Amino acid sequence: FGRILVFVLAATGLNLALGYGGMVSFGHALYIGLGAYSVAILTLMGLHSGWLHLITAVAVSGLVAIPVGWVALRTQGIAFIMITLAFAQLFFYIFISLKNFGGDDGVSLSQVSNFGPLTGNIYALYLSLLVTVLIVLGVVMRLVRSPFGLVLRATKVSERRVNAVGLNSLPYRLAAYVFSAQVCALAGFFLANLTGFVSPDYLKWSISGELIVMVLLGGLGKVFGPLVGATALLLIEEFLKALTEHWPLILGPLIVLMVIFLRRGLWSLLEGREKS
């Protein structure tokens, strides 16, 4: 349940950039890792305040996302994908080299983020994660329906036309990219507290790929698409793991078929039922 909520949160962040802005980022796992390592590094330094961990995760991810986004958004297509992937891989190898913080093996947390009497209460963690997911979904819903969201969606269709009518598209796209990165950092913050363990594997390109699959599976540019996509993918994955150790051989083709035959995502099926 906790893992599903973490990836719903991260996929919701990516959906803002990918689904509404058309920014195919293959490096959003970077921000999950930054959020998780914000908790781990501060904990190992003897700083256990949960609010400090939370603020640091959001601030650091924002500070990294601004230059990364500024560079990547000056390109398009495959160049954008490769630049975001390159930055994610850069930080992946940086964290592998940090031997004082576990290096390639990762690091176990001796203490989770301190939030007073709620510290260590797994139900409080689940509830706070659920509330955070609902808040972020609400913010994204309001955001995409605002003038900002209108411009962002227009840049997905044609960035050149947006610039032609006198609007500078770069600040809008950069703001969406940074906010999506910070939402992923929140997911990393919760993931570290949920598992009590942080590893460079959180920054792997394969995690970014899974997020993209979740967004596509749920419905690209649908507010609740990541909720459905992440839940469906992780539940199917757990079901197949219980059946066979060769579950990836089944899951891969299954995902391909679902994306081909459900181009509008699983959420479109639910929308169709509601309308009917």
C-alpha atoms as a PDB file:
ATOM      1  CA  PHE A   1       0.000   0.000   0.000  1.00  0.00           C
ATOM      2  CA  GLY A   2       2.785   2.388   0.913  1.00  0.00           C
ATOM      3  CA  ARG A   3       4.786   1.574  -2.217  1.00  0.00           C
ATOM      4  CA  ILE A   4       1.730   2.189  -4.393  1.00  0.00           C
ATOM      5  CA  LEU A   5       1.143   5.598  -2.807  1.00  0.00           C
ATOM      6  CA  VAL A   6       4.813   6.559  -3.206  1.00  0.00           C
ATOM      7  CA  PHE A   7       4.750   5.789  -6.918  1.00  0.00           C
ATOM      8  CA  VAL A   8       1.335   7.421  -7.375  1.00  0.00           C
ATOM      9  CA  LEU A   9       2.884  10.580  -5.933  1.00  0.00           C
ATOM     10  CA  ALA A  10       5.974  10.365  -8.161  1.00  0.00           C
ATOM     11  CA  ALA A  11       3.937   9.552 -11.292  1.00  0.00           C
ATOM     12  CA  THR A  12       1.615  12.484 -10.558  1.00  0.00           C
ATOM     13  CA  GLY A  13       4.638  14.762 -10.550  1.00  0.00           C
ATOM     14  CA  LEU A  14       5.906  13.354 -13.846  1.00  0.00           C
ATOM     15  CA  ASN A  15       2.421  13.598 -15.365  1.00  0.00           C
ATOM     16  CA  LEU A  16       2.492  17.385 -14.981  1.00  0.00           C
ATOM     17  CA  ALA A  17       5.673  17.584 -17.069  1.00  0.00           C
ATOM     18  CA  LEU A  18       4.955  14.726 -19.478  1.00  0.00           C
ATOM     19  CA  GLY A  19       1.177  14.618 -19.738  1.00  0.00           C
ATOM     20  CA  TYR A  20       0.476  18.344 -19.794  1.00  0.00           C
ATOM     21  CA  GLY A  21       3.786  19.813 -20.958  1.00  0.00           C
ATOM     22  CA  GLY A  22       4.928  17.129 -23.377  1.00  0.00           C
ATOM     23  CA  MET A  23       8.321  16.900 -21.623  1.00  0.00           C
ATOM     24  CA  VAL A  24       9.473  13.294 -21.934  1.00  0.00           C
ATOM     25  CA  SER A  25      11.831  13.180 -18.977  1.00  0.00           C
ATOM     26  CA  PHE A  26      13.859  10.016 -18.534  1.00  0.00           C
ATOM     27  CA  GLY A  27      15.493  11.379 -15.411  1.00  0.00           C
ATOM     28  CA  HIS A  28      12.802  11.965 -12.813  1.00  0.00           C
ATOM     29  CA  ALA A  29      14.210   9.127 -10.713  1.00  0.00           C
ATOM     30  CA  LEU A  30      16.967  11.643  -9.941  1.00  0.00           C
ATOM     31  CA  TYR A  31      14.546  13.634  -7.798  1.00  0.00           C
ATOM     32  CA  ILE A  32      13.207  10.555  -6.012  1.00  0.00           C
ATOM     33  CA  GLY A  33      16.822   9.817  -5.097  1.00  0.00           C
ATOM     34  CA  LEU A  34      17.482  13.379  -3.948  1.00  0.00           C
ATOM     35  CA  GLY A  35      14.440  13.257  -1.682  1.00  0.00           C
ATOM     36  CA  ALA A  36      15.515   9.934  -0.201  1.00  0.00           C
ATOM     37  CA  TYR A  37      19.150  10.968   0.270  1.00  0.00           C
ATOM     38  CA  SER A  38      18.074  14.211   1.932  1.00  0.00           C
ATOM     39  CA  VAL A  39      16.660  12.047   4.698  1.00  0.00           C
ATOM     40  CA  ALA A  40      19.628   9.647   4.787  1.00  0.00           C
ATOM     41  CA  ILE A  41      22.443  12.213   4.771  1.00  0.00           C
ATOM     42  CA  LEU A  42      20.862  14.470   7.387  1.00  0.00           C
ATOM     43  CA  THR A  43      20.108  11.447   9.583  1.00  0.00           C
ATOM     44  CA  LEU A  44      23.711  10.244   9.391  1.00  0.00           C
ATOM     45  CA  MET A  45      24.815  13.781  10.318  1.00  0.00           C
ATOM     46  CA  GLY A  46      22.722  13.554  13.484  1.00  0.00           C
ATOM     47  CA  LEU A  47      19.937  15.839  12.252  1.00  0.00           C
ATOM     48  CA  HIS A  48      16.663  13.961  12.767  1.00  0.00           C
ATOM     49  CA  SER A  49      14.035  16.697  12.440  1.00  0.00           C
ATOM     50  CA  GLY A  50      11.356  15.541  10.018  1.00  0.00           C
ATOM     51  CA  TRP A  51      10.501  19.073   8.954  1.00  0.00           C
ATOM     52  CA  LEU A  52      14.171  19.748   8.200  1.00  0.00           C
ATOM     53  CA  HIS A  53      14.292  16.572   6.087  1.00  0.00           C
ATOM     54  CA  LEU A  54      11.129  17.569   4.241  1.00  0.00           C
ATOM     55  CA  ILE A  55      12.206  21.145   3.542  1.00  0.00           C
ATOM     56  CA  THR A  56      15.668  19.999   2.463  1.00  0.00           C
ATOM     57  CA  ALA A  57      14.234  17.423   0.043  1.00  0.00           C
ATOM     58  CA  VAL A  58      11.968  19.990  -1.621  1.00  0.00           C
ATOM     59  CA  ALA A  59      14.627  22.742  -1.665  1.00  0.00           C
ATOM     60  CA  VAL A  60      17.488  20.595  -2.973  1.00  0.00           C
ATOM     61  CA  SER A  61      15.364  19.033  -5.706  1.00  0.00           C
ATOM     62  CA  GLY A  62      14.206  22.486  -6.776  1.00  0.00           C
ATOM     63  CA  LEU A  63      17.756  23.844  -6.861  1.00  0.00           C
ATOM     64  CA  VAL A  64      18.890  20.910  -8.997  1.00  0.00           C
ATOM     65  CA  ALA A  65      15.831  20.950 -11.259  1.00  0.00           C
ATOM     66  CA  ILE A  66      16.213  24.627 -12.188  1.00  0.00           C
ATOM     67  CA  PRO A  67      19.563  24.315 -14.024  1.00  0.00           C
ATOM     68  CA  VAL A  68      18.743  20.825 -15.349  1.00  0.00           C
ATOM     69  CA  GLY A  69      15.410  22.024 -16.701  1.00  0.00           C
ATOM     70  CA  TRP A  70      16.882  25.262 -18.062  1.00  0.00           C
ATOM     71  CA  VAL A  71      19.456  23.303 -20.086  1.00  0.00           C
ATOM     72  CA  ALA A  72      17.127  20.503 -21.183  1.00  0.00           C
ATOM     73  CA  LEU A  73      14.249  22.785 -22.197  1.00  0.00           C
ATOM     74  CA  ARG A  74      16.444  24.552 -24.721  1.00  0.00           C
ATOM     75  CA  THR A  75      16.332  21.324 -26.709  1.00  0.00           C
ATOM     76  CA  GLN A  76      13.533  19.153 -28.044  1.00  0.00           C
ATOM     77  CA  GLY A  77      12.748  15.534 -28.775  1.00  0.00           C
ATOM     78  CA  ILE A  78      15.454  12.953 -28.262  1.00  0.00           C
ATOM     79  CA  ALA A  79      17.935  15.610 -27.102  1.00  0.00           C
ATOM     80  CA  PHE A  80      15.665  16.515 -24.159  1.00  0.00           C
ATOM     81  CA  ILE A  81      15.306  12.841 -23.235  1.00  0.00           C
ATOM     82  CA  MET A  82      19.059  12.234 -23.360  1.00  0.00           C
ATOM     83  CA  ILE A  83      19.931  15.339 -21.325  1.00  0.00           C
ATOM     84  CA  THR A  84      17.540  14.422 -18.505  1.00  0.00           C
ATOM     85  CA  LEU A  85      18.857  10.856 -18.581  1.00  0.00           C
ATOM     86  CA  ALA A  86      22.461  12.097 -18.528  1.00  0.00           C
ATOM     87  CA  PHE A  87      21.916  14.249 -15.436  1.00  0.00           C
ATOM     88  CA  ALA A  88      20.192  11.365 -13.644  1.00  0.00           C
ATOM     89  CA  GLN A  89      23.089   9.050 -14.446  1.00  0.00           C
ATOM     90  CA  LEU A  90      25.561  11.711 -13.314  1.00  0.00           C
ATOM     91  CA  PHE A  91      23.983  11.894  -9.862  1.00  0.00           C
ATOM     92  CA  PHE A  92      23.627   8.100  -9.792  1.00  0.00           C
ATOM     93  CA  TYR A  93      27.406   7.738 -10.044  1.00  0.00           C
ATOM     94  CA  ILE A  94      27.966  10.601  -7.602  1.00  0.00           C
ATOM     95  CA  PHE A  95      25.980   8.809  -4.911  1.00  0.00           C
ATOM     96  CA  ILE A  96      27.728   5.520  -5.683  1.00  0.00           C
ATOM     97  CA  SER A  97      31.026   7.273  -4.954  1.00  0.00           C
ATOM     98  CA  LEU A  98      29.872   8.587  -1.555  1.00  0.00           C
ATOM     99  CA  LYS A  99      31.338   5.788   0.549  1.00  0.00           C
ATOM    100  CA  ASN A 100      30.560   7.636   3.802  1.00  0.00           C
ATOM    101  CA  PHE A 101      26.876   7.363   2.923  1.00  0.00           C
ATOM    102  CA  GLY A 102      26.823   3.711   1.897  1.00  0.00           C
ATOM    103  CA  GLY A 103      28.140   3.991  -1.652  1.00  0.00           C
ATOM    104  CA  ASP A 104      26.911   1.291  -3.993  1.00  0.00           C
ATOM    105  CA  ASP A 105      25.435  -0.762  -1.123  1.00  0.00           C
ATOM    106  CA  GLY A 106      23.135   1.972   0.110  1.00  0.00           C
ATOM    107  CA  VAL A 107      22.577   2.845   3.734  1.00  0.00           C
ATOM    108  CA  SER A 108      20.107   1.730   6.418  1.00  0.00           C
ATOM    109  CA  LEU A 109      18.559   4.473   8.527  1.00  0.00           C
ATOM    110  CA  SER A 110      19.105   4.114  12.245  1.00  0.00           C
ATOM    111  CA  GLN A 111      16.199   6.482  12.830  1.00  0.00           C
ATOM    112  CA  VAL A 112      13.421   7.754  10.595  1.00  0.00           C
ATOM    113  CA  SER A 113      12.416  11.415  10.347  1.00  0.00           C
ATOM    114  CA  ASN A 114      11.417  12.781  13.740  1.00  0.00           C
ATOM    115  CA  PHE A 115       7.890  14.167  13.901  1.00  0.00           C
ATOM    116  CA  GLY A 116       7.453  14.020  17.657  1.00  0.00           C
ATOM    117  CA  PRO A 117       4.954  11.480  19.037  1.00  0.00           C
ATOM    118  CA  LEU A 118       4.094  10.304  15.491  1.00  0.00           C
ATOM    119  CA  THR A 119       7.667   9.147  14.826  1.00  0.00           C
ATOM    120  CA  GLY A 120       7.826   5.472  13.884  1.00  0.00           C
ATOM    121  CA  ASN A 121       4.038   5.078  13.713  1.00  0.00           C
ATOM    122  CA  ILE A 122       3.452   3.229  10.448  1.00  0.00           C
ATOM    123  CA  TYR A 123      -0.220   4.187  10.335  1.00  0.00           C
ATOM    124  CA  ALA A 124       0.638   7.863  10.731  1.00  0.00           C
ATOM    125  CA  LEU A 125       3.118   7.476   7.866  1.00  0.00           C
ATOM    126  CA  TYR A 126       0.515   5.843   5.622  1.00  0.00           C
ATOM    127  CA  LEU A 127      -2.072   8.486   6.483  1.00  0.00           C
ATOM    128  CA  SER A 128       0.306  11.404   5.907  1.00  0.00           C
ATOM    129  CA  LEU A 129       1.362   9.857   2.590  1.00  0.00           C
ATOM    130  CA  LEU A 130      -2.269   9.423   1.535  1.00  0.00           C
ATOM    131  CA  VAL A 131      -3.097  13.026   2.511  1.00  0.00           C
ATOM    132  CA  THR A 132      -0.056  14.275   0.577  1.00  0.00           C
ATOM    133  CA  VAL A 133      -1.161  12.354  -2.525  1.00  0.00           C
ATOM    134  CA  LEU A 134      -4.669  13.843  -2.301  1.00  0.00           C
ATOM    135  CA  ILE A 135      -3.307  17.365  -1.805  1.00  0.00           C
ATOM    136  CA  VAL A 136      -0.925  17.069  -4.763  1.00  0.00           C
ATOM    137  CA  LEU A 137      -3.713  15.687  -6.965  1.00  0.00           C
ATOM    138  CA  GLY A 138      -5.885  18.638  -5.944  1.00  0.00           C
ATOM    139  CA  VAL A 139      -3.106  21.130  -6.665  1.00  0.00           C
ATOM    140  CA  VAL A 140      -2.426  19.588 -10.082  1.00  0.00           C
ATOM    141  CA  MET A 141      -6.149  19.670 -10.900  1.00  0.00           C
ATOM    142  CA  ARG A 142      -6.374  23.377 -10.056  1.00  0.00           C
ATOM    143  CA  LEU A 143      -3.084  24.112 -11.787  1.00  0.00           C
ATOM    144  CA  VAL A 144      -3.926  22.561 -15.149  1.00  0.00           C
ATOM    145  CA  ARG A 145      -7.281  24.390 -15.229  1.00  0.00           C
ATOM    146  CA  SER A 146      -5.666  27.759 -14.470  1.00  0.00           C
ATOM    147  CA  PRO A 147      -4.248  30.212 -17.055  1.00  0.00           C
ATOM    148  CA  PHE A 148      -0.827  28.731 -16.267  1.00  0.00           C
ATOM    149  CA  GLY A 149      -2.091  25.263 -17.144  1.00  0.00           C
ATOM    150  CA  LEU A 150      -3.713  26.555 -20.326  1.00  0.00           C
ATOM    151  CA  VAL A 151      -0.384  27.950 -21.521  1.00  0.00           C
ATOM    152  CA  LEU A 152       1.443  24.773 -20.476  1.00  0.00           C
ATOM    153  CA  ARG A 153      -0.971  22.578 -22.423  1.00  0.00           C
ATOM    154  CA  ALA A 154      -0.655  24.904 -25.404  1.00  0.00           C
ATOM    155  CA  THR A 155       3.129  24.472 -25.401  1.00  0.00           C
ATOM    156  CA  LYS A 156       2.612  20.732 -25.672  1.00  0.00           C
ATOM    157  CA  VAL A 157       0.671  21.247 -28.896  1.00  0.00           C
ATOM    158  CA  SER A 158       2.992  23.873 -30.384  1.00  0.00           C
ATOM    159  CA  GLU A 159       5.605  25.766 -28.404  1.00  0.00           C
ATOM    160  CA  ARG A 160       6.397  27.885 -31.458  1.00  0.00           C
ATOM    161  CA  ARG A 161       2.824  29.159 -31.721  1.00  0.00           C
ATOM    162  CA  VAL A 162       2.781  30.071 -28.018  1.00  0.00           C
ATOM    163  CA  ASN A 163       5.934  32.132 -28.496  1.00  0.00           C
ATOM    164  CA  ALA A 164       4.463  33.661 -31.662  1.00  0.00           C
ATOM    165  CA  VAL A 165       1.521  35.199 -29.774  1.00  0.00           C
ATOM    166  CA  GLY A 166       3.895  37.000 -27.406  1.00  0.00           C
ATOM    167  CA  LEU A 167       4.191  34.512 -24.547  1.00  0.00           C
ATOM    168  CA  ASN A 168       7.593  33.211 -23.492  1.00  0.00           C
ATOM    169  CA  SER A 169       7.010  29.473 -23.071  1.00  0.00           C
ATOM    170  CA  LEU A 170      10.266  28.731 -21.233  1.00  0.00           C
ATOM    171  CA  PRO A 171       9.247  30.069 -17.761  1.00  0.00           C
ATOM    172  CA  TYR A 172       5.985  28.110 -17.876  1.00  0.00           C
ATOM    173  CA  ARG A 173       7.654  24.871 -18.890  1.00  0.00           C
ATOM    174  CA  LEU A 174      10.508  25.357 -16.445  1.00  0.00           C
ATOM    175  CA  ALA A 175       8.103  26.037 -13.554  1.00  0.00           C
ATOM    176  CA  ALA A 176       6.144  22.876 -14.410  1.00  0.00           C
ATOM    177  CA  TYR A 177       9.364  20.859 -14.615  1.00  0.00           C
ATOM    178  CA  VAL A 178      10.632  22.135 -11.256  1.00  0.00           C
ATOM    179  CA  PHE A 179       7.310  21.529  -9.505  1.00  0.00           C
ATOM    180  CA  SER A 180       7.126  17.999 -10.929  1.00  0.00           C
ATOM    181  CA  ALA A 181      10.675  17.380  -9.648  1.00  0.00           C
ATOM    182  CA  GLN A 182       9.733  18.562  -6.167  1.00  0.00           C
ATOM    183  CA  VAL A 183       6.720  16.233  -6.087  1.00  0.00           C
ATOM    184  CA  CYS A 184       9.047  13.337  -6.967  1.00  0.00           C
ATOM    185  CA  ALA A 185      11.368  14.459  -4.150  1.00  0.00           C
ATOM    186  CA  LEU A 186       8.407  14.233  -1.768  1.00  0.00           C
ATOM    187  CA  ALA A 187       7.929  10.657  -2.963  1.00  0.00           C
ATOM    188  CA  GLY A 188      11.597   9.975  -2.227  1.00  0.00           C
ATOM    189  CA  PHE A 189      11.243  11.464   1.248  1.00  0.00           C
ATOM    190  CA  PHE A 190       8.353   9.112   2.028  1.00  0.00           C
ATOM    191  CA  LEU A 191      10.110   6.145   0.400  1.00  0.00           C
ATOM    192  CA  ALA A 192      13.134   6.565   2.676  1.00  0.00           C
ATOM    193  CA  ASN A 193      10.918   6.700   5.764  1.00  0.00           C
ATOM    194  CA  LEU A 194       8.795   3.807   4.554  1.00  0.00           C
ATOM    195  CA  THR A 195      11.667   1.387   3.904  1.00  0.00           C
ATOM    196  CA  GLY A 196      14.280   2.727   6.358  1.00  0.00           C
ATOM    197  CA  PHE A 197      16.818   2.254   3.581  1.00  0.00           C
ATOM    198  CA  VAL A 198      18.275   4.456   0.823  1.00  0.00           C
ATOM    199  CA  SER A 199      20.229   3.258  -2.208  1.00  0.00           C
ATOM    200  CA  PRO A 200      21.602   4.718  -5.460  1.00  0.00           C
ATOM    201  CA  ASP A 201      19.242   2.273  -7.181  1.00  0.00           C
ATOM    202  CA  TYR A 202      16.492   4.830  -6.531  1.00  0.00           C
ATOM    203  CA  LEU A 203      18.143   7.010  -9.191  1.00  0.00           C
ATOM    204  CA  LYS A 204      18.372   4.326 -11.893  1.00  0.00           C
ATOM    205  CA  TRP A 205      16.980   5.062 -15.340  1.00  0.00           C
ATOM    206  CA  SER A 206      14.726   2.019 -15.005  1.00  0.00           C
ATOM    207  CA  ILE A 207      12.787   3.778 -12.217  1.00  0.00           C
ATOM    208  CA  SER A 208      12.217   6.744 -14.551  1.00  0.00           C
ATOM    209  CA  GLY A 209      11.024   4.274 -17.171  1.00  0.00           C
ATOM    210  CA  GLU A 210       8.554   2.736 -14.741  1.00  0.00           C
ATOM    211  CA  LEU A 211       7.149   6.191 -13.959  1.00  0.00           C
ATOM    212  CA  ILE A 212       6.636   6.866 -17.664  1.00  0.00           C
ATOM    213  CA  VAL A 213       4.855   3.518 -18.051  1.00  0.00           C
ATOM    214  CA  MET A 214       2.590   4.345 -15.090  1.00  0.00           C
ATOM    215  CA  VAL A 215       1.634   7.689 -16.631  1.00  0.00           C
ATOM    216  CA  LEU A 216       0.971   6.148 -20.056  1.00  0.00           C
ATOM    217  CA  LEU A 217      -0.902   3.206 -18.576  1.00  0.00           C
ATOM    218  CA  GLY A 218      -3.177   5.387 -16.469  1.00  0.00           C
ATOM    219  CA  GLY A 219      -3.787   8.021 -19.106  1.00  0.00           C
ATOM    220  CA  LEU A 220      -1.496  10.733 -20.426  1.00  0.00           C
ATOM    221  CA  GLY A 221      -2.642  14.183 -19.363  1.00  0.00           C
ATOM    222  CA  LYS A 222      -5.313  12.854 -16.987  1.00  0.00           C
ATOM    223  CA  VAL A 223      -5.201  14.135 -13.404  1.00  0.00           C
ATOM    224  CA  PHE A 224      -6.096  10.753 -11.921  1.00  0.00           C
ATOM    225  CA  GLY A 225      -4.276   8.755 -14.592  1.00  0.00           C
ATOM    226  CA  PRO A 226      -1.130   8.223 -12.464  1.00  0.00           C
ATOM    227  CA  LEU A 227      -3.285   6.966  -9.587  1.00  0.00           C
ATOM    228  CA  VAL A 228      -4.830   4.279 -11.770  1.00  0.00           C
ATOM    229  CA  GLY A 229      -1.650   3.517 -13.715  1.00  0.00           C
ATOM    230  CA  ALA A 230       0.651   3.126 -10.709  1.00  0.00           C
ATOM    231  CA  THR A 231      -1.886   1.037  -8.810  1.00  0.00           C
ATOM    232  CA  ALA A 232      -2.561  -1.261 -11.766  1.00  0.00           C
ATOM    233  CA  LEU A 233       1.105  -1.761 -12.652  1.00  0.00           C
ATOM    234  CA  LEU A 234       2.256  -2.525  -9.113  1.00  0.00           C
ATOM    235  CA  LEU A 235      -0.668  -4.841  -8.365  1.00  0.00           C
ATOM    236  CA  ILE A 236      -0.091  -6.762 -11.603  1.00  0.00           C
ATOM    237  CA  GLU A 237       3.612  -6.949 -10.782  1.00  0.00           C
ATOM    238  CA  GLU A 238       2.945  -8.359  -7.299  1.00  0.00           C
ATOM    239  CA  PHE A 239       0.439 -10.852  -8.699  1.00  0.00           C
ATOM    240  CA  LEU A 240       2.922 -12.120 -11.313  1.00  0.00           C
ATOM    241  CA  LYS A 241       5.722 -12.325  -8.726  1.00  0.00           C
ATOM    242  CA  ALA A 242       3.552 -14.726  -6.732  1.00  0.00           C
ATOM    243  CA  LEU A 243       3.071 -16.914  -9.809  1.00  0.00           C
ATOM    244  CA  THR A 244       6.582 -17.196 -11.215  1.00  0.00           C
ATOM    245  CA  GLU A 245      10.125 -15.934 -10.773  1.00  0.00           C
ATOM    246  CA  HIS A 246      10.158 -15.141 -14.494  1.00  0.00           C
ATOM    247  CA  TRP A 247       7.455 -12.517 -14.067  1.00  0.00           C
ATOM    248  CA  PRO A 248       9.244  -9.806 -16.144  1.00  0.00           C
ATOM    249  CA  LEU A 249       8.842 -12.002 -19.239  1.00  0.00           C
ATOM    250  CA  ILE A 250       5.069 -11.783 -18.782  1.00  0.00           C
ATOM    251  CA  LEU A 251       4.823  -8.211 -17.527  1.00  0.00           C
ATOM    252  CA  GLY A 252       6.797  -6.676 -20.423  1.00  0.00           C
ATOM    253  CA  PRO A 253       4.588  -7.914 -23.291  1.00  0.00           C
ATOM    254  CA  LEU A 254       1.479  -7.301 -21.182  1.00  0.00           C
ATOM    255  CA  ILE A 255       2.413  -3.625 -20.738  1.00  0.00           C
ATOM    256  CA  VAL A 256       3.086  -3.281 -24.473  1.00  0.00           C
ATOM    257  CA  LEU A 257      -0.327  -4.727 -25.320  1.00  0.00           C
ATOM    258  CA  MET A 258      -2.101  -2.502 -22.784  1.00  0.00           C
ATOM    259  CA  VAL A 259      -0.416   0.648 -24.106  1.00  0.00           C
ATOM    260  CA  ILE A 260      -1.202  -0.321 -27.731  1.00  0.00           C
ATOM    261  CA  PHE A 261      -4.855  -1.168 -27.209  1.00  0.00           C
ATOM    262  CA  LEU A 262      -5.560   1.420 -24.495  1.00  0.00           C
ATOM    263  CA  ARG A 263      -3.967   4.476 -26.024  1.00  0.00           C
ATOM    264  CA  ARG A 264      -5.957   6.830 -23.815  1.00  0.00           C
ATOM    265  CA  GLY A 265      -5.091   4.812 -20.711  1.00  0.00           C
ATOM    266  CA  LEU A 266      -7.059   2.935 -18.091  1.00  0.00           C
ATOM    267  CA  TRP A 267      -8.637   6.137 -16.760  1.00  0.00           C
ATOM    268  CA  SER A 268     -10.459   6.566 -20.093  1.00  0.00           C
ATOM    269  CA  LEU A 269     -12.284   3.300 -19.389  1.00  0.00           C
ATOM    270  CA  LEU A 270     -13.475   4.624 -16.039  1.00  0.00           C
ATOM    271  CA  GLU A 271     -14.502   7.918 -17.631  1.00  0.00           C
ATOM    272  CA  GLY A 272     -16.459   6.019 -20.266  1.00  0.00           C
ATOM    273  CA  ARG A 273     -18.365   4.110 -17.578  1.00  0.00           C
ATOM    274  CA  GLU A 274     -19.207   7.299 -15.729  1.00  0.00           C
ATOM    275  CA  LYS A 275     -20.544   8.962 -18.891  1.00  0.00           C
ATOM    276  CA  SER A 276     -22.579   5.918 -19.829  1.00  0.00           C
END
